[in-house]
Amino acid sequence: MDSDSIKEKIALKKEIRDMIQQREFLKNELEQIVRLATTDSDMVSTIMTKRTKLTEFSCYEKLVKTFSRRCFQLSKNEYAYRQMFVLANLCQFSIDEDVVVEAMNSVCPEDRVVAGIF
């Protein structure tokens, strides 16, 4: 193995490690939002993992727009986009959307919109 391929291998490992860390960061942020928005700690796991059928479209639209504007820019975050089932679950489990928005405001700093988690 020549030095260029070793450097390339090291760079790729770092890139993968960074990506995994960014994904974990996003999941942790979502879980914090869910924990703040719900009073039932048993419900957190269900909301974070279950995929329910979406019927509460206006709630979902409000949460997605707020999340994209406040936390993670969905147009630049394929992984964040794939996690939007969590917001759908919050709506489907009848968690008050204003409470969820307040949780997003608490978890996501006003001056931070993360782009580029894939």
C-alpha atoms as a PDB file:
ATOM      1  CA  MET A   1       0.000   0.000   0.000  1.00  0.00           C
ATOM      2  CA  ASP A   2       1.508   3.343  -0.978  1.00  0.00           C
ATOM      3  CA  SER A   3       1.338   6.488   1.156  1.00  0.00           C
ATOM      4  CA  ASP A   4      -1.402   8.078  -0.983  1.00  0.00           C
ATOM      5  CA  SER A   5      -3.763   5.142  -0.475  1.00  0.00           C
ATOM      6  CA  ILE A   6      -3.005   5.107   3.272  1.00  0.00           C
ATOM      7  CA  LYS A   7      -3.810   8.833   3.469  1.00  0.00           C
ATOM      8  CA  GLU A   8      -6.971   8.241   1.464  1.00  0.00           C
ATOM      9  CA  LYS A   9      -8.010   5.393   3.768  1.00  0.00           C
ATOM     10  CA  ILE A  10      -7.442   7.568   6.846  1.00  0.00           C
ATOM     11  CA  ALA A  11      -9.430  10.425   5.293  1.00  0.00           C
ATOM     12  CA  LEU A  12     -12.334   8.116   4.426  1.00  0.00           C
ATOM     13  CA  LYS A  13     -12.395   6.648   7.936  1.00  0.00           C
ATOM     14  CA  LYS A  14     -12.511  10.167   9.386  1.00  0.00           C
ATOM     15  CA  GLU A  15     -15.315  11.135   7.003  1.00  0.00           C
ATOM     16  CA  ILE A  16     -17.358   8.075   8.024  1.00  0.00           C
ATOM     17  CA  ARG A  17     -16.701   8.704  11.728  1.00  0.00           C
ATOM     18  CA  ASP A  18     -17.784  12.358  11.350  1.00  0.00           C
ATOM     19  CA  MET A  19     -20.937  11.318   9.510  1.00  0.00           C
ATOM     20  CA  ILE A  20     -21.860   8.830  12.233  1.00  0.00           C
ATOM     21  CA  GLN A  21     -21.294  11.497  14.903  1.00  0.00           C
ATOM     22  CA  GLN A  22     -23.471  13.987  13.021  1.00  0.00           C
ATOM     23  CA  ARG A  23     -26.268  11.430  12.683  1.00  0.00           C
ATOM     24  CA  GLU A  24     -26.087  10.646  16.398  1.00  0.00           C
ATOM     25  CA  PHE A  25     -26.203  14.367  17.139  1.00  0.00           C
ATOM     26  CA  LEU A  26     -29.356  14.733  15.051  1.00  0.00           C
ATOM     27  CA  LYS A  27     -31.025  11.719  16.708  1.00  0.00           C
ATOM     28  CA  ASN A  28     -30.137  13.062  20.150  1.00  0.00           C
ATOM     29  CA  GLU A  29     -31.605  16.462  19.279  1.00  0.00           C
ATOM     30  CA  LEU A  30     -34.822  14.820  18.087  1.00  0.00           C
ATOM     31  CA  GLU A  31     -35.025  12.714  21.226  1.00  0.00           C
ATOM     32  CA  GLN A  32     -34.568  15.812  23.404  1.00  0.00           C
ATOM     33  CA  ILE A  33     -37.423  17.480  21.533  1.00  0.00           C
ATOM     34  CA  VAL A  34     -39.643  14.426  22.050  1.00  0.00           C
ATOM     35  CA  ARG A  35     -38.751  14.209  25.757  1.00  0.00           C
ATOM     36  CA  LEU A  36     -39.586  17.877  26.299  1.00  0.00           C
ATOM     37  CA  ALA A  37     -42.848  17.619  24.353  1.00  0.00           C
ATOM     38  CA  THR A  38     -44.211  14.504  26.040  1.00  0.00           C
ATOM     39  CA  THR A  39     -44.965  13.840  29.674  1.00  0.00           C
ATOM     40  CA  ASP A  40     -44.938  10.064  29.237  1.00  0.00           C
ATOM     41  CA  SER A  41     -41.385   8.703  29.237  1.00  0.00           C
ATOM     42  CA  ASP A  42     -42.625   5.318  27.966  1.00  0.00           C
ATOM     43  CA  MET A  43     -43.995   7.049  24.877  1.00  0.00           C
ATOM     44  CA  VAL A  44     -40.579   8.458  23.888  1.00  0.00           C
ATOM     45  CA  SER A  45     -39.269   5.113  22.619  1.00  0.00           C
ATOM     46  CA  THR A  46     -42.418   4.478  20.599  1.00  0.00           C
ATOM     47  CA  ILE A  47     -42.339   7.941  19.027  1.00  0.00           C
ATOM     48  CA  MET A  48     -38.650   7.578  18.186  1.00  0.00           C
ATOM     49  CA  THR A  49     -38.986   4.170  16.495  1.00  0.00           C
ATOM     50  CA  LYS A  50     -42.528   3.468  15.275  1.00  0.00           C
ATOM     51  CA  ARG A  51     -43.700   4.513  11.834  1.00  0.00           C
ATOM     52  CA  THR A  52     -47.355   5.443  11.905  1.00  0.00           C
ATOM     53  CA  LYS A  53     -49.658   6.407   9.069  1.00  0.00           C
ATOM     54  CA  LEU A  54     -49.816  10.176   8.760  1.00  0.00           C
ATOM     55  CA  THR A  55     -53.279  11.715   8.908  1.00  0.00           C
ATOM     56  CA  GLU A  56     -52.538  14.912  10.852  1.00  0.00           C
ATOM     57  CA  PHE A  57     -51.168  16.845   7.899  1.00  0.00           C
ATOM     58  CA  SER A  58     -51.472  20.426   9.175  1.00  0.00           C
ATOM     59  CA  CYS A  59     -49.684  19.546  12.419  1.00  0.00           C
ATOM     60  CA  TYR A  60     -46.978  17.688  10.510  1.00  0.00           C
ATOM     61  CA  GLU A  61     -46.473  20.535   8.040  1.00  0.00           C
ATOM     62  CA  LYS A  62     -46.060  23.058  10.869  1.00  0.00           C
ATOM     63  CA  LEU A  63     -43.561  20.850  12.710  1.00  0.00           C
ATOM     64  CA  VAL A  64     -41.522  20.061   9.599  1.00  0.00           C
ATOM     65  CA  LYS A  65     -41.306  23.724   8.592  1.00  0.00           C
ATOM     66  CA  THR A  66     -40.273  24.737  12.094  1.00  0.00           C
ATOM     67  CA  PHE A  67     -37.727  21.915  12.380  1.00  0.00           C
ATOM     68  CA  SER A  68     -36.203  22.746   8.992  1.00  0.00           C
ATOM     69  CA  ARG A  69     -36.055  26.463   9.754  1.00  0.00           C
ATOM     70  CA  ARG A  70     -34.910  26.154  13.359  1.00  0.00           C
ATOM     71  CA  CYS A  71     -32.891  22.934  13.698  1.00  0.00           C
ATOM     72  CA  PHE A  72     -31.766  21.096  10.566  1.00  0.00           C
ATOM     73  CA  GLN A  73     -32.285  22.395   7.047  1.00  0.00           C
ATOM     74  CA  LEU A  74     -34.110  19.473   5.435  1.00  0.00           C
ATOM     75  CA  SER A  75     -33.256  20.412   1.855  1.00  0.00           C
ATOM     76  CA  LYS A  76     -29.585  19.881   2.736  1.00  0.00           C
ATOM     77  CA  ASN A  77     -29.977  16.948   5.138  1.00  0.00           C
ATOM     78  CA  GLU A  78     -31.062  13.688   3.585  1.00  0.00           C
ATOM     79  CA  TYR A  79     -30.656  11.873   6.900  1.00  0.00           C
ATOM     80  CA  ALA A  80     -32.699  14.487   8.784  1.00  0.00           C
ATOM     81  CA  TYR A  81     -35.397  14.210   6.134  1.00  0.00           C
ATOM     82  CA  ARG A  82     -35.575  10.445   6.704  1.00  0.00           C
ATOM     83  CA  GLN A  83     -36.143  11.056  10.429  1.00  0.00           C
ATOM     84  CA  MET A  84     -39.293  13.116   9.923  1.00  0.00           C
ATOM     85  CA  PHE A  85     -41.411  10.098  10.870  1.00  0.00           C
ATOM     86  CA  VAL A  86     -40.678  11.202  14.457  1.00  0.00           C
ATOM     87  CA  LEU A  87     -42.508  14.479  13.859  1.00  0.00           C
ATOM     88  CA  ALA A  88     -45.349  12.595  12.188  1.00  0.00           C
ATOM     89  CA  ASN A  89     -45.582  10.380  15.265  1.00  0.00           C
ATOM     90  CA  LEU A  90     -45.792  13.390  17.563  1.00  0.00           C
ATOM     91  CA  CYS A  91     -48.782  14.580  15.545  1.00  0.00           C
ATOM     92  CA  GLN A  92     -50.375  11.129  15.369  1.00  0.00           C
ATOM     93  CA  PHE A  93     -50.045  10.673  19.138  1.00  0.00           C
ATOM     94  CA  SER A  94     -51.839  14.009  19.602  1.00  0.00           C
ATOM     95  CA  ILE A  95     -48.928  15.846  21.180  1.00  0.00           C
ATOM     96  CA  ASP A  96     -49.861  19.532  21.075  1.00  0.00           C
ATOM     97  CA  GLU A  97     -47.977  21.069  18.147  1.00  0.00           C
ATOM     98  CA  ASP A  98     -47.335  24.315  20.042  1.00  0.00           C
ATOM     99  CA  VAL A  99     -45.674  22.302  22.816  1.00  0.00           C
ATOM    100  CA  VAL A 100     -43.481  20.564  20.198  1.00  0.00           C
ATOM    101  CA  VAL A 101     -42.539  23.901  18.614  1.00  0.00           C
ATOM    102  CA  GLU A 102     -41.621  25.226  22.057  1.00  0.00           C
ATOM    103  CA  ALA A 103     -39.463  22.125  22.603  1.00  0.00           C
ATOM    104  CA  MET A 104     -37.729  22.758  19.259  1.00  0.00           C
ATOM    105  CA  ASN A 105     -37.102  26.345  20.298  1.00  0.00           C
ATOM    106  CA  SER A 106     -35.542  25.118  23.538  1.00  0.00           C
ATOM    107  CA  VAL A 107     -33.355  22.419  21.975  1.00  0.00           C
ATOM    108  CA  CYS A 108     -32.238  24.157  18.792  1.00  0.00           C
ATOM    109  CA  PRO A 109     -30.368  27.452  19.310  1.00  0.00           C
ATOM    110  CA  GLU A 110     -31.810  30.356  17.378  1.00  0.00           C
ATOM    111  CA  ASP A 111     -28.648  30.984  15.376  1.00  0.00           C
ATOM    112  CA  ARG A 112     -28.012  27.363  14.369  1.00  0.00           C
ATOM    113  CA  VAL A 113     -29.313  25.593  11.313  1.00  0.00           C
ATOM    114  CA  VAL A 114     -27.245  22.513  10.580  1.00  0.00           C
ATOM    115  CA  ALA A 115     -26.758  21.634   6.934  1.00  0.00           C
ATOM    116  CA  GLY A 116     -25.148  18.639   5.369  1.00  0.00           C
ATOM    117  CA  ILE A 117     -25.809  15.503   7.431  1.00  0.00           C
ATOM    118  CA  PHE A 118     -26.166  12.583   5.037  1.00  0.00           C
END
